[in-house]
Amino acid sequence: MILPSKFLPADRALITVGGEVLTVINETPRSVSEVWERVSADRRTRGQILGFDWFTLALTFLYAVQMIEMSDGLLQIRRAVKS
């Protein structure tokens, strides 16, 4: 589910979908709706359909591994804290 396997194509793996999400929010924080629209539109142009449930699983995965955070209603990449 997280990584591609014999039974799960690479375009459906959460790590791939998560990478697409990170690409969208890399430049500027965006709302969940805006990220969903951009990711799903990009996938439609490639003929790859993505359900909202799979998208939310990718967001949950990214949040669990502390890659993203929500601030003022916007998703943003969580930057590493330098000590």
C-alpha atoms as a PDB file:
ATOM      1  CA  MET A   1       0.000   0.000   0.000  1.00  0.00           C
ATOM      2  CA  ILE A   2       2.747   2.445   0.862  1.00  0.00           C
ATOM      3  CA  LEU A   3       5.239   1.106  -1.666  1.00  0.00           C
ATOM      4  CA  PRO A   4       4.528  -0.445  -5.079  1.00  0.00           C
ATOM      5  CA  SER A   5       4.354  -4.222  -5.159  1.00  0.00           C
ATOM      6  CA  LYS A   6       3.475  -7.106  -7.419  1.00  0.00           C
ATOM      7  CA  PHE A   7      -0.200  -6.352  -6.863  1.00  0.00           C
ATOM      8  CA  LEU A   8      -0.046  -2.547  -6.512  1.00  0.00           C
ATOM      9  CA  PRO A   9       1.147  -0.453  -9.457  1.00  0.00           C
ATOM     10  CA  ALA A  10       3.601   2.362  -8.768  1.00  0.00           C
ATOM     11  CA  ASP A  11       1.079   5.069  -9.687  1.00  0.00           C
ATOM     12  CA  ARG A  12      -1.275   3.845  -6.920  1.00  0.00           C
ATOM     13  CA  ALA A  13       1.329   3.574  -4.147  1.00  0.00           C
ATOM     14  CA  LEU A  14       0.922   6.090  -1.333  1.00  0.00           C
ATOM     15  CA  ILE A  15       4.550   7.125  -1.663  1.00  0.00           C
ATOM     16  CA  THR A  16       3.887   8.144  -5.288  1.00  0.00           C
ATOM     17  CA  VAL A  17       0.650   9.985  -4.535  1.00  0.00           C
ATOM     18  CA  GLY A  18       2.378  11.647  -1.579  1.00  0.00           C
ATOM     19  CA  GLY A  19       5.163  12.823  -3.872  1.00  0.00           C
ATOM     20  CA  GLU A  20       2.588  14.399  -6.164  1.00  0.00           C
ATOM     21  CA  VAL A  21       1.043  16.184  -3.177  1.00  0.00           C
ATOM     22  CA  LEU A  22       4.448  17.484  -2.075  1.00  0.00           C
ATOM     23  CA  THR A  23       5.105  18.767  -5.585  1.00  0.00           C
ATOM     24  CA  VAL A  24       1.872  20.780  -5.488  1.00  0.00           C
ATOM     25  CA  ILE A  25       2.506  22.366  -2.081  1.00  0.00           C
ATOM     26  CA  ASN A  26       6.256  22.821  -2.535  1.00  0.00           C
ATOM     27  CA  GLU A  27       6.104  26.437  -3.712  1.00  0.00           C
ATOM     28  CA  THR A  28       3.278  27.751  -1.557  1.00  0.00           C
ATOM     29  CA  PRO A  29       0.854  26.419   1.064  1.00  0.00           C
ATOM     30  CA  ARG A  30      -2.526  25.427  -0.393  1.00  0.00           C
ATOM     31  CA  SER A  31      -5.914  24.303   0.865  1.00  0.00           C
ATOM     32  CA  VAL A  32      -6.789  20.612   0.820  1.00  0.00           C
ATOM     33  CA  SER A  33      -9.385  21.296  -1.880  1.00  0.00           C
ATOM     34  CA  GLU A  34      -6.871  23.080  -4.082  1.00  0.00           C
ATOM     35  CA  VAL A  35      -4.304  20.301  -3.687  1.00  0.00           C
ATOM     36  CA  TRP A  36      -6.971  17.700  -4.496  1.00  0.00           C
ATOM     37  CA  GLU A  37      -8.062  19.580  -7.633  1.00  0.00           C
ATOM     38  CA  ARG A  38      -4.496  19.983  -8.889  1.00  0.00           C
ATOM     39  CA  VAL A  39      -3.425  16.391  -8.194  1.00  0.00           C
ATOM     40  CA  SER A  40      -6.583  14.848  -9.649  1.00  0.00           C
ATOM     41  CA  ALA A  41      -6.483  17.121 -12.736  1.00  0.00           C
ATOM     42  CA  ASP A  42      -2.837  16.239 -13.379  1.00  0.00           C
ATOM     43  CA  ARG A  43      -3.620  12.534 -13.058  1.00  0.00           C
ATOM     44  CA  ARG A  44      -6.611  12.800 -15.400  1.00  0.00           C
ATOM     45  CA  THR A  45      -4.358  14.257 -18.119  1.00  0.00           C
ATOM     46  CA  ARG A  46      -2.212  11.128 -17.775  1.00  0.00           C
ATOM     47  CA  GLY A  47      -5.226   8.806 -17.760  1.00  0.00           C
ATOM     48  CA  GLN A  48      -4.709   7.822 -14.109  1.00  0.00           C
ATOM     49  CA  ILE A  49      -7.818   8.137 -11.979  1.00  0.00           C
ATOM     50  CA  LEU A  50      -7.327   8.810  -8.262  1.00  0.00           C
ATOM     51  CA  GLY A  51     -10.120   8.490  -5.734  1.00  0.00           C
ATOM     52  CA  PHE A  52     -10.482  11.008  -2.929  1.00  0.00           C
ATOM     53  CA  ASP A  53     -10.109   8.177  -0.392  1.00  0.00           C
ATOM     54  CA  TRP A  54      -6.670   7.292  -1.765  1.00  0.00           C
ATOM     55  CA  PHE A  55      -5.733  10.987  -1.754  1.00  0.00           C
ATOM     56  CA  THR A  56      -6.686  11.305   1.930  1.00  0.00           C
ATOM     57  CA  LEU A  57      -4.675   8.178   2.743  1.00  0.00           C
ATOM     58  CA  ALA A  58      -1.653   9.839   1.117  1.00  0.00           C
ATOM     59  CA  LEU A  59      -2.226  12.985   3.207  1.00  0.00           C
ATOM     60  CA  THR A  60      -2.503  10.852   6.346  1.00  0.00           C
ATOM     61  CA  PHE A  61       0.729   9.059   5.449  1.00  0.00           C
ATOM     62  CA  LEU A  62       2.580  12.352   4.874  1.00  0.00           C
ATOM     63  CA  TYR A  63       1.272  13.741   8.160  1.00  0.00           C
ATOM     64  CA  ALA A  64       2.234  10.557  10.042  1.00  0.00           C
ATOM     65  CA  VAL A  65       5.824  10.754   8.802  1.00  0.00           C
ATOM     66  CA  GLN A  66       5.868  14.485   9.627  1.00  0.00           C
ATOM     67  CA  MET A  67       6.318  15.687   6.046  1.00  0.00           C
ATOM     68  CA  ILE A  68       3.314  18.037   6.032  1.00  0.00           C
ATOM     69  CA  GLU A  69       1.406  20.146   8.496  1.00  0.00           C
ATOM     70  CA  MET A  70      -1.743  22.240   8.518  1.00  0.00           C
ATOM     71  CA  SER A  71      -1.399  25.928   9.331  1.00  0.00           C
ATOM     72  CA  ASP A  72      -4.252  28.437   9.068  1.00  0.00           C
ATOM     73  CA  GLY A  73      -6.260  25.933   7.011  1.00  0.00           C
ATOM     74  CA  LEU A  74      -3.459  25.402   4.489  1.00  0.00           C
ATOM     75  CA  LEU A  75      -1.281  22.371   3.868  1.00  0.00           C
ATOM     76  CA  GLN A  76       2.424  23.086   3.845  1.00  0.00           C
ATOM     77  CA  ILE A  77       5.635  21.131   3.846  1.00  0.00           C
ATOM     78  CA  ARG A  78       7.071  20.763   7.310  1.00  0.00           C
ATOM     79  CA  ARG A  79      10.593  22.112   7.191  1.00  0.00           C
ATOM     80  CA  ALA A  80      13.329  20.516   9.257  1.00  0.00           C
ATOM     81  CA  VAL A  81      14.351  22.444  12.346  1.00  0.00           C
ATOM     82  CA  LYS A  82      18.074  23.163  12.467  1.00  0.00           C
ATOM     83  CA  SER A  83      19.637  22.906  15.898  1.00  0.00           C
END
